[in-house]
């Protein structure tokens, strides 16, 4: 993504007038720049937002934290493009803040469409750290969208880009997100290392915290996640899958694909792969697969229903 907004040919926002945000505590809860969730009066939480000239700039600025996908659609001219916008919003919700969706209705926001230099709908572009790059101009089915977004996020994660958006709108989820922003200073060096893309240093910083206090569950979780990123850094997904397919009982090959699946959001697939490996192996290899699966459980979180199911499947495979 090498097209910053300040360069010729990029989005020119100077022609867009940005009204001041509505004042007063009685107004709807909003996200950055007054953004209100798609299909919501403002009382819920979402990672998709209807874009207008008031919140457009704020949404672009949100790309400094995590990627934003802009989808330009037209319910009147191409109904399928509206379904695409809905599907992208669904995928964004499934990815829990790893990407936000800006829905640009070409029928009501012609100024934004012109600023983006959109020639036809649908049009989907990715914005990351103030830079925009086109993604596609068709309306693939939702399963293909899931794959595309997961592959994209996997690539970004391998480069150390691990930020998440807070939900647009109010409610408990947004309030919880606000609390999480108050980071414990003990974790700051590790998190700064992740943001800068220095995964090795992040592992070292989290390891120091765990060594100092083995009961520090947050540090242990951070260490597990940083190690996952470290193991998969620079690994080609297609090559890894091919190797695993050719050697179904190769523990290291199966573990690598499970790591990549987890990183790409295919949590259940990662768990099922290793449960199957536990069933097929024995001795040290079985222990290695089992312990790695337990580590992945910790990365996802013990309260996640997919982890609960994975633990049940692991117990069945062992006994």
Protein backbone atom coordinates (compact mmCIF):
# COMPACT_ATOMS: atom_id res chain seq x y z
CA UNK A 1 0.00 0.00 0.00
CA UNK A 2 2.02 2.90 -1.28
CA UNK A 3 -0.52 5.62 -2.00
CA UNK A 4 -0.58 8.09 0.90
CA UNK A 5 -3.42 10.60 0.83
CA UNK A 6 -0.96 13.51 0.55
CA UNK A 7 0.37 12.39 -2.83
CA UNK A 8 -1.08 13.30 -6.25
CA UNK A 9 -3.75 10.88 -7.42
CA UNK A 10 -4.78 9.91 -3.92
CA UNK A 11 -8.05 10.85 -2.26
CA UNK A 12 -8.47 14.62 -2.12
CA UNK A 13 -10.48 15.48 0.98
CA UNK A 14 -10.19 19.24 0.60
CA UNK A 15 -13.49 19.49 -1.28
CA UNK A 16 -15.42 17.76 1.46
CA UNK A 17 -17.01 19.97 4.08
CA UNK A 18 -16.96 18.39 7.50
CA UNK A 19 -19.72 19.72 9.76
CA UNK A 20 -18.97 19.96 13.45
CA UNK A 21 -20.12 16.92 15.47
CA UNK A 22 -23.50 17.23 17.12
CA UNK A 23 -23.14 18.46 20.68
CA UNK A 24 -24.86 17.35 23.81
CA UNK A 25 -24.94 14.19 25.89
CA UNK A 26 -28.42 13.29 24.71
CA UNK A 27 -27.25 12.43 21.19
CA UNK A 28 -26.54 8.87 20.06
CA UNK A 29 -23.38 7.16 21.18
CA UNK A 30 -20.78 7.37 18.45
CA UNK A 31 -17.45 6.05 17.32
CA UNK A 32 -14.55 8.07 15.96
CA UNK A 33 -15.62 11.35 14.41
CA UNK A 34 -19.28 10.78 15.26
CA UNK A 35 -19.57 7.55 13.31
CA UNK A 36 -22.81 5.70 13.92
CA UNK A 37 -22.95 1.94 13.32
CA UNK A 38 -24.57 0.68 10.14
CA UNK A 39 -28.23 -0.12 10.66
CA UNK A 40 -28.20 1.29 14.18
CA UNK A 41 -29.52 4.31 15.98
CA UNK A 42 -26.27 4.47 17.89
CA UNK A 43 -27.16 2.32 20.89
CA UNK A 44 -25.36 -0.84 19.73
CA UNK A 45 -21.80 -1.78 18.89
CA UNK A 46 -20.42 -2.69 15.49
CA UNK A 47 -17.30 -2.68 13.37
CA UNK A 48 -19.17 -1.32 10.33
CA UNK A 49 -20.31 2.26 9.84
CA UNK A 50 -22.27 4.22 7.26
CA UNK A 51 -19.87 6.86 5.95
CA UNK A 52 -20.81 10.49 5.43
CA UNK A 53 -18.84 13.70 5.01
CA UNK A 54 -18.86 14.26 8.77
CA UNK A 55 -17.19 11.00 9.80
CA UNK A 56 -15.16 10.16 6.68
CA UNK A 57 -11.94 11.79 7.87
CA UNK A 58 -12.19 10.17 11.30
CA UNK A 59 -12.63 6.76 9.71
CA UNK A 60 -9.51 7.28 7.62
CA UNK A 61 -7.63 8.31 10.75
CA UNK A 62 -8.81 5.09 12.41
CA UNK A 63 -6.73 3.22 9.83
CA UNK A 64 -3.67 4.24 11.85
CA UNK A 65 -4.77 1.70 14.47
CA UNK A 66 -5.99 -1.17 12.28
CA UNK A 67 -7.06 -1.64 8.65
CA UNK A 68 -10.26 -0.13 7.30
CA UNK A 69 -12.07 -1.42 4.21
CA UNK A 70 -14.18 1.09 2.29
CA UNK A 71 -16.99 -0.46 0.26
CA UNK A 72 -18.82 1.74 -2.23
CA UNK A 73 -22.27 0.39 -3.08
CA UNK A 74 -25.50 1.52 -4.72
CA UNK A 75 -28.83 -0.06 -3.69
CA UNK A 76 -30.60 1.57 -6.65
CA UNK A 77 -28.11 0.80 -9.42
CA UNK A 78 -26.76 -2.56 -8.25
CA UNK A 79 -28.60 -4.34 -5.40
CA UNK A 80 -25.85 -6.98 -5.23
CA UNK A 81 -23.43 -4.29 -4.11
CA UNK A 82 -25.63 -3.60 -1.08
CA UNK A 83 -25.45 -7.29 -0.18
CA UNK A 84 -21.66 -7.06 -0.49
CA UNK A 85 -21.64 -4.19 2.00
CA UNK A 86 -23.79 -6.26 4.39
CA UNK A 87 -21.53 -9.30 3.98
CA UNK A 88 -18.39 -7.27 4.69
CA UNK A 89 -20.04 -5.91 7.82
CA UNK A 90 -20.78 -9.49 8.90
CA UNK A 91 -17.18 -10.55 8.32
CA UNK A 92 -15.90 -7.53 10.25
CA UNK A 93 -18.04 -8.56 13.21
CA UNK A 94 -16.65 -12.08 13.06
CA UNK A 95 -13.10 -10.71 13.09
CA UNK A 96 -13.88 -8.74 16.25
CA UNK A 97 -12.21 -5.46 15.45
CA UNK A 98 -9.24 -6.60 13.40
CA UNK A 99 -10.79 -4.66 10.52
CA UNK A 100 -13.46 -1.97 10.28
CA UNK A 101 -15.83 -1.46 7.36
CA UNK A 102 -16.81 1.94 6.00
CA UNK A 103 -19.99 1.64 3.92
CA UNK A 104 -20.21 4.40 1.29
CA UNK A 105 -23.67 4.68 -0.30
CA UNK A 106 -23.00 6.09 -3.76
CA UNK A 107 -26.62 7.27 -4.03
CA UNK A 108 -26.42 9.54 -0.99
CA UNK A 109 -22.68 10.36 -0.79
CA UNK A 110 -21.63 11.42 -4.30
CA UNK A 111 -18.97 13.77 -2.91
CA UNK A 112 -17.12 10.92 -1.22
CA UNK A 113 -17.44 8.75 -4.32
CA UNK A 114 -15.95 11.54 -6.39
CA UNK A 115 -13.15 12.09 -3.88
CA UNK A 116 -12.29 8.39 -4.04
CA UNK A 117 -12.30 8.55 -7.85
CA UNK A 118 -14.64 5.55 -8.05
CA UNK A 119 -15.65 4.68 -11.61
CA UNK A 120 -18.14 1.88 -10.92
CA UNK A 121 -19.81 -0.01 -8.09
CA UNK A 122 -19.20 -2.14 -6.22
CA UNK A 123 -15.73 -0.92 -5.29
CA UNK A 124 -13.73 -2.07 -2.27
CA UNK A 125 -10.48 -0.48 -1.13
CA UNK A 126 -8.24 -1.06 1.88
CA UNK A 127 -6.96 1.85 3.95
CA UNK A 128 -4.04 1.23 6.28
CA UNK A 129 -2.04 3.86 8.15
CA UNK A 130 -3.35 6.63 5.90
CA UNK A 131 -2.73 4.81 2.63
CA UNK A 132 -5.31 3.45 0.23
CA UNK A 133 -5.13 0.51 -2.18
CA UNK A 134 -7.96 -0.97 -4.28
CA UNK A 135 -8.89 -4.55 -3.41
CA UNK A 136 -11.59 -5.62 -5.88
CA UNK A 137 -14.56 -4.41 -7.94
CA UNK A 138 -16.92 -7.36 -7.88
CA UNK A 139 -19.25 -8.93 -5.31
CA UNK A 140 -17.82 -12.31 -4.26
CA UNK A 141 -19.84 -14.59 -1.96
CA UNK A 142 -19.35 -14.21 1.77
CA UNK A 143 -17.16 -17.33 2.11
CA UNK A 144 -14.69 -15.87 -0.39
CA UNK A 145 -14.78 -12.58 1.52
CA UNK A 146 -13.90 -14.40 4.72
CA UNK A 147 -10.94 -16.08 3.05
CA UNK A 148 -9.75 -12.85 1.46
CA UNK A 149 -9.91 -10.85 4.68
CA UNK A 150 -8.29 -13.58 6.74
CA UNK A 151 -5.41 -13.91 4.28
CA UNK A 152 -4.96 -10.15 4.25
CA UNK A 153 -4.95 -9.92 8.04
CA UNK A 154 -2.57 -12.84 8.28
CA UNK A 155 -0.13 -11.00 6.05
CA UNK A 156 -0.47 -7.82 8.09
CA UNK A 157 -0.02 -9.72 11.35
CA UNK A 158 3.17 -11.32 10.05
CA UNK A 159 4.41 -7.77 9.55
CA UNK A 160 3.65 -6.89 13.16
CA UNK A 161 0.38 -5.02 12.50
CA UNK A 162 -1.83 -6.33 15.27
CA UNK A 163 -4.05 -3.40 16.24
CA UNK A 164 -7.79 -3.67 16.73
CA UNK A 165 -10.61 -1.19 16.38
CA UNK A 166 -12.94 -0.44 19.25
CA UNK A 167 -16.60 -1.05 18.39
CA UNK A 168 -18.43 1.91 16.90
CA UNK A 169 -21.29 2.97 19.12
CA UNK A 170 -21.88 2.74 22.83
CA UNK A 171 -22.80 -0.07 25.15
CA UNK A 172 -20.80 -2.46 27.32
CA UNK A 173 -18.45 -3.59 24.57
CA UNK A 174 -17.32 -0.04 23.83
CA UNK A 175 -16.98 0.72 27.54
CA UNK A 176 -14.87 -2.42 27.98
CA UNK A 177 -12.72 -1.32 25.07
CA UNK A 178 -12.18 2.07 26.71
CA UNK A 179 -11.00 0.33 29.86
CA UNK A 180 -8.57 -1.80 27.88
CA UNK A 181 -6.94 1.32 26.44
CA UNK A 182 -5.53 2.06 29.90
CA UNK A 183 -2.61 -0.29 29.42
CA UNK A 184 -0.61 -1.45 32.42
CA UNK A 185 2.85 0.18 31.99
CA UNK A 186 4.50 -3.18 32.66
CA UNK A 187 3.25 -4.41 29.30
CA UNK A 188 4.12 -1.26 27.36
CA UNK A 189 7.58 -2.37 26.11
CA UNK A 190 6.19 -5.63 24.71
CA UNK A 191 3.22 -3.94 23.08
CA UNK A 192 5.39 -1.22 21.61
CA UNK A 193 7.63 -3.92 20.15
CA UNK A 194 4.63 -5.58 18.50
CA UNK A 195 3.43 -2.28 17.04
CA UNK A 196 6.90 -1.62 15.60
CA UNK A 197 7.02 -5.13 14.11
CA UNK A 198 9.81 -6.37 16.39
CA UNK A 199 8.26 -9.71 17.33
CA UNK A 200 11.49 -11.10 18.80
CA UNK A 201 11.75 -8.22 21.28
CA UNK A 202 8.07 -8.63 22.17
CA UNK A 203 8.70 -12.29 23.02
CA UNK A 204 11.68 -11.30 25.17
CA UNK A 205 9.73 -8.61 27.02
CA UNK A 206 6.78 -10.89 27.75
CA UNK A 207 9.17 -13.65 28.83
CA UNK A 208 10.73 -11.29 31.38
CA UNK A 209 7.30 -10.63 32.88
CA UNK A 210 6.42 -14.33 33.03
CA UNK A 211 9.78 -15.19 34.61
CA UNK A 212 9.25 -12.50 37.22
CA UNK A 213 5.70 -13.60 37.98
CA UNK A 214 4.56 -16.97 36.60
CA UNK A 215 1.04 -16.21 37.87
CA UNK A 216 0.71 -13.18 35.56
CA UNK A 217 -1.91 -14.58 33.19
CA UNK A 218 -1.98 -11.49 30.98
CA UNK A 219 1.76 -11.68 30.40
CA UNK A 220 1.48 -15.42 29.71
CA UNK A 221 -1.25 -14.75 27.15
CA UNK A 222 0.84 -12.02 25.53
CA UNK A 223 3.82 -14.37 25.38
CA UNK A 224 1.77 -17.13 23.76
CA UNK A 225 0.44 -14.76 21.12
CA UNK A 226 3.84 -13.22 20.43
CA UNK A 227 5.37 -16.68 20.03
CA UNK A 228 2.59 -17.58 17.59
CA UNK A 229 3.50 -14.55 15.49
CA UNK A 230 7.20 -15.41 15.78
CA UNK A 231 6.68 -19.00 14.58
CA UNK A 232 4.67 -17.94 11.55
CA UNK A 233 6.66 -14.88 10.54
CA UNK A 234 7.64 -15.09 6.88
CA UNK A 235 5.97 -18.50 6.34
CA UNK A 236 4.15 -18.98 3.04
CA UNK A 237 0.67 -20.36 3.69
CA UNK A 238 0.36 -22.29 0.43
CA UNK A 239 3.75 -23.95 0.87
CA UNK A 240 2.89 -24.90 4.45
CA UNK A 241 -0.45 -26.38 3.44
CA UNK A 242 1.14 -28.39 0.65
CA UNK A 243 3.74 -29.83 3.01
CA UNK A 244 1.07 -30.74 5.57
CA UNK A 245 -1.09 -32.40 2.91
CA UNK A 246 1.85 -34.50 1.73
CA UNK A 247 2.80 -35.56 5.27
CA UNK A 248 -0.38 -35.85 7.38
CA UNK A 249 1.51 -37.36 10.33
CA UNK A 250 4.38 -34.84 10.29
CA UNK A 251 3.79 -33.11 13.62
CA UNK A 252 5.79 -29.99 12.79
CA UNK A 253 4.05 -29.55 9.44
CA UNK A 254 0.58 -29.92 10.97
CA UNK A 255 1.41 -27.58 13.83
CA UNK A 256 2.58 -24.90 11.39
CA UNK A 257 -0.69 -24.99 9.43
CA UNK A 258 -2.66 -24.96 12.68
CA UNK A 259 -0.74 -21.83 13.73
CA UNK A 260 -1.41 -20.16 10.39
CA UNK A 261 -5.09 -21.11 10.55
CA UNK A 262 -5.40 -19.63 14.02
CA UNK A 263 -3.66 -16.45 12.93
CA UNK A 264 -6.00 -16.22 9.94
CA UNK A 265 -9.11 -16.59 12.09
CA UNK A 266 -9.84 -20.27 11.29
CA UNK A 267 -9.88 -21.17 14.97
CA UNK A 268 -11.96 -24.34 14.81
CA UNK A 269 -9.97 -25.60 11.81
CA UNK A 270 -6.74 -25.17 13.77
CA UNK A 271 -8.12 -27.05 16.76
CA UNK A 272 -9.60 -29.86 14.66
CA UNK A 273 -6.32 -30.34 12.80
CA UNK A 274 -4.39 -30.89 16.02
CA UNK A 275 -7.09 -33.04 17.63
CA UNK A 276 -6.89 -35.29 14.56
CA UNK A 277 -3.12 -35.37 14.91
CA UNK A 278 -3.42 -36.43 18.55
CA UNK A 279 -5.71 -39.28 17.45
CA UNK A 280 -3.23 -40.51 14.82
CA UNK A 281 0.02 -40.27 16.77
CA UNK A 282 1.50 -41.71 19.94
CA UNK A 283 4.36 -41.23 22.39
CA UNK A 284 6.42 -38.04 22.15
CA UNK A 285 4.77 -36.92 18.93
CA UNK A 286 1.34 -37.19 20.51
CA UNK A 287 2.51 -35.21 23.54
CA UNK A 288 3.96 -32.52 21.30
CA UNK A 289 0.68 -32.14 19.41
CA UNK A 290 -1.33 -32.16 22.64
CA UNK A 291 0.80 -29.53 24.37
CA UNK A 292 0.76 -27.30 21.33
CA UNK A 293 -3.02 -27.53 21.13
CA UNK A 294 -3.27 -26.54 24.79
CA UNK A 295 -1.05 -23.54 24.05
CA UNK A 296 -3.38 -22.49 21.23
CA UNK A 297 -6.30 -22.79 23.64
CA UNK A 298 -4.59 -20.22 25.84
CA UNK A 299 -4.04 -17.91 22.88
CA UNK A 300 -7.77 -17.85 22.09
CA UNK A 301 -8.94 -17.73 25.71
CA UNK A 302 -10.39 -20.38 27.97
CA UNK A 303 -13.88 -18.84 27.99
CA UNK A 304 -14.25 -19.00 24.21
CA UNK A 305 -16.88 -21.61 23.22
CA UNK A 306 -14.56 -22.91 20.50
CA UNK A 307 -11.96 -23.63 23.17
CA UNK A 308 -14.51 -25.43 25.32
CA UNK A 309 -15.47 -27.60 22.37
CA UNK A 310 -11.81 -28.13 21.47
CA UNK A 311 -11.05 -29.33 25.00
CA UNK A 312 -13.94 -31.80 24.81
CA UNK A 313 -12.65 -33.12 21.48
CA UNK A 314 -9.13 -33.40 22.87
CA UNK A 315 -10.36 -35.40 25.86
CA UNK A 316 -12.23 -37.71 23.50
CA UNK A 317 -9.12 -38.16 21.37
CA UNK A 318 -6.99 -38.99 24.41
CA UNK A 319 -9.38 -41.35 26.13
